[in-house]
Amino acid sequence: MAKFLLSLHVLVSVLFIGPVAVAVSMFPRRAKAALAGGPDRASDAGVLRVLHRITQVYALLGVAVPVLGIGLAQVMDVLGQSWVIVSMVLTAIAALSLLLFVLPGQQAAVDALELDPSDERHAKAVGGLKLLPMTAGVFNLLWAVVVVLMVIRPGSSTGV
């Protein structure tokens, strides 16, 4: 059962968290281009909407990752080990950063696409993009640390 859950946990992590990480990383540059105007504005705006939708949908699907992870930790009887607890805390912080900073920032940028560039709200949305690359980087860094913890498993009895 543990091998099945581990396989499922890894598969779901790759399939659901991977697209979120990529979309979150690509969004700030595309948002800047789309909101700046220019010849490819319509194309950039379409890409921006798709990246935001990918972030939303796959973030929701990504809830399966910690659920399977907790089930796997229970089956493996490692739920109380420090590396699992740290991983769960970092996962929660990553989820909160996505919900509180990344998704609202993306939504503001997508909403600004409908505004006239001379509108004050458009300028505010463009100014708000300054933090989006940083929050995207923090989100992805948190997931990278969780993956490293899953691989090295401090205190693991496997010796690998």
Protein backbone atom coordinates (compact mmCIF):
# COMPACT_ATOMS: atom_id res chain seq x y z
CA MET A 1 0.00 0.00 0.00
CA ALA A 2 2.84 2.40 0.82
CA LYS A 3 4.42 1.98 -2.63
CA PHE A 4 1.09 2.64 -4.32
CA LEU A 5 0.47 5.78 -2.24
CA LEU A 6 4.04 6.97 -2.79
CA SER A 7 3.67 6.52 -6.55
CA LEU A 8 0.36 8.32 -6.54
CA HIS A 9 1.72 11.13 -4.34
CA VAL A 10 4.71 11.70 -6.65
CA LEU A 11 2.57 11.48 -9.80
CA VAL A 12 -0.01 13.94 -8.47
CA SER A 13 2.77 16.27 -7.33
CA VAL A 14 4.32 16.36 -10.77
CA LEU A 15 1.04 16.64 -12.66
CA PHE A 16 -0.68 19.20 -10.44
CA ILE A 17 2.01 21.27 -8.75
CA GLY A 18 4.28 21.41 -11.80
CA PRO A 19 1.81 23.33 -13.98
CA VAL A 20 1.07 25.77 -11.14
CA ALA A 21 4.77 26.42 -10.65
CA VAL A 22 5.31 27.05 -14.36
CA ALA A 23 2.21 29.24 -14.78
CA VAL A 24 3.06 31.28 -11.67
CA SER A 25 6.60 31.80 -12.98
CA MET A 26 5.52 32.84 -16.46
CA PHE A 27 2.71 35.15 -15.38
CA PRO A 28 4.61 38.29 -14.24
CA ARG A 29 6.55 38.74 -17.48
CA ARG A 30 3.45 38.15 -19.60
CA ALA A 31 1.40 40.50 -17.41
CA LYS A 32 3.94 43.26 -17.82
CA ALA A 33 3.88 42.82 -21.60
CA ALA A 34 0.08 42.63 -21.79
CA LEU A 35 -0.49 45.69 -19.62
CA ALA A 36 2.17 47.73 -21.38
CA GLY A 37 0.25 47.59 -24.64
CA GLY A 38 2.17 47.16 -27.82
CA PRO A 39 1.59 45.14 -30.97
CA ASP A 40 1.11 41.76 -29.27
CA ARG A 41 -1.24 43.03 -26.54
CA ALA A 42 -4.17 40.81 -27.58
CA SER A 43 -1.99 37.73 -27.74
CA ASP A 44 -0.33 38.52 -24.40
CA ALA A 45 -3.74 39.14 -22.82
CA GLY A 46 -4.98 35.74 -24.00
CA VAL A 47 -1.89 34.01 -22.64
CA LEU A 48 -2.30 35.91 -19.37
CA ARG A 49 -5.87 34.66 -18.96
CA VAL A 50 -4.82 31.08 -19.70
CA LEU A 51 -1.95 31.22 -17.20
CA HIS A 52 -4.29 32.57 -14.53
CA ARG A 53 -6.82 29.83 -15.26
CA ILE A 54 -4.10 27.16 -15.09
CA THR A 55 -2.98 28.55 -11.74
CA GLN A 56 -6.54 28.47 -10.37
CA VAL A 57 -7.52 25.01 -11.62
CA TYR A 58 -4.28 23.22 -10.84
CA ALA A 59 -4.03 24.88 -7.43
CA LEU A 60 -7.40 23.36 -6.61
CA LEU A 61 -6.34 19.97 -7.95
CA GLY A 62 -3.06 20.32 -6.05
CA VAL A 63 -4.93 19.91 -2.76
CA ALA A 64 -4.62 16.19 -3.49
CA VAL A 65 -0.85 16.39 -2.95
CA PRO A 66 -0.85 17.10 0.81
CA VAL A 67 -3.88 14.84 1.32
CA LEU A 68 -2.04 11.92 -0.27
CA GLY A 69 1.15 12.93 1.53
CA ILE A 70 -0.53 12.77 4.93
CA GLY A 71 -2.07 9.40 4.07
CA LEU A 72 1.30 8.14 2.93
CA ALA A 73 3.02 9.40 6.08
CA GLN A 74 0.44 7.59 8.20
CA VAL A 75 0.92 4.34 6.30
CA MET A 76 4.71 4.67 6.57
CA ASP A 77 4.39 5.61 10.26
CA VAL A 78 6.50 8.75 9.84
CA LEU A 79 3.81 11.38 10.47
CA GLY A 80 5.52 12.66 13.63
CA GLN A 81 9.01 12.94 12.14
CA SER A 82 10.45 16.42 11.87
CA TRP A 83 11.02 16.35 8.10
CA VAL A 84 7.35 15.52 7.52
CA ILE A 85 6.17 18.23 9.89
CA VAL A 86 8.48 20.81 8.29
CA SER A 87 7.25 19.73 4.85
CA MET A 88 3.63 20.12 5.93
CA VAL A 89 4.30 23.59 7.37
CA LEU A 90 6.13 24.69 4.20
CA THR A 91 3.31 23.29 2.07
CA ALA A 92 0.80 25.28 4.10
CA ILE A 93 2.91 28.44 3.72
CA ALA A 94 3.15 27.83 -0.05
CA ALA A 95 -0.62 27.39 -0.25
CA LEU A 96 -1.20 30.56 1.74
CA SER A 97 1.21 32.55 -0.42
CA LEU A 98 -0.64 31.31 -3.49
CA LEU A 99 -4.05 32.17 -2.04
CA LEU A 100 -3.17 35.49 -0.42
CA PHE A 101 -0.63 36.98 -2.82
CA VAL A 102 -0.20 35.20 -6.14
CA LEU A 103 -3.82 34.59 -7.15
CA PRO A 104 -5.07 38.05 -6.11
CA GLY A 105 -2.13 39.65 -7.93
CA GLN A 106 -2.90 37.64 -11.03
CA GLN A 107 -6.59 38.51 -10.81
CA ALA A 108 -5.80 42.21 -10.51
CA ALA A 109 -3.62 42.02 -13.63
CA VAL A 110 -6.31 40.14 -15.57
CA ASP A 111 -8.95 42.66 -14.44
CA ALA A 112 -6.70 45.52 -15.54
CA LEU A 113 -6.74 44.18 -19.10
CA GLU A 114 -10.31 45.47 -19.41
CA LEU A 115 -9.39 48.97 -18.26
CA ASP A 116 -8.28 51.88 -20.38
CA PRO A 117 -4.52 52.49 -19.98
CA SER A 118 -5.26 56.04 -18.87
CA ASP A 119 -7.48 54.76 -16.02
CA GLU A 120 -6.03 55.17 -12.53
CA ARG A 121 -6.93 51.55 -11.66
CA HIS A 122 -4.89 50.36 -14.67
CA ALA A 123 -1.85 52.25 -13.39
CA LYS A 124 -2.39 50.80 -9.91
CA ALA A 125 -2.55 47.26 -11.34
CA VAL A 126 0.67 47.81 -13.30
CA GLY A 127 2.33 49.11 -10.13
CA GLY A 128 1.08 46.08 -8.21
CA LEU A 129 2.99 43.77 -10.53
CA LYS A 130 6.23 44.65 -8.75
CA LEU A 131 5.63 42.07 -6.01
CA LEU A 132 4.30 39.32 -8.27
CA PRO A 133 7.71 38.00 -9.42
CA MET A 134 8.90 37.86 -5.81
CA THR A 135 5.81 36.04 -4.56
CA ALA A 136 6.06 33.63 -7.49
CA GLY A 137 9.69 32.97 -6.60
CA VAL A 138 8.88 32.40 -2.93
CA PHE A 139 6.05 30.02 -3.87
CA ASN A 140 8.33 27.98 -6.13
CA LEU A 141 11.20 28.04 -3.64
CA LEU A 142 8.94 26.65 -0.92
CA TRP A 143 7.94 23.75 -3.18
CA ALA A 144 11.57 23.12 -4.10
CA VAL A 145 12.50 22.86 -0.41
CA VAL A 146 9.58 20.46 0.18
CA VAL A 147 10.77 18.28 -2.70
CA VAL A 148 14.32 18.24 -1.31
CA LEU A 149 12.99 17.25 2.12
CA MET A 150 10.99 14.45 0.53
CA VAL A 151 14.08 13.14 -1.25
CA ILE A 152 16.66 13.38 1.54
CA ARG A 153 14.25 12.55 4.41
CA PRO A 154 16.47 13.48 7.37
CA GLY A 155 16.56 10.66 9.87
CA SER A 156 15.29 8.17 7.33
CA SER A 157 15.94 4.56 8.11
CA THR A 158 16.54 3.69 4.44
CA GLY A 159 20.10 5.02 4.53
CA VAL A 160 19.79 6.30 0.96
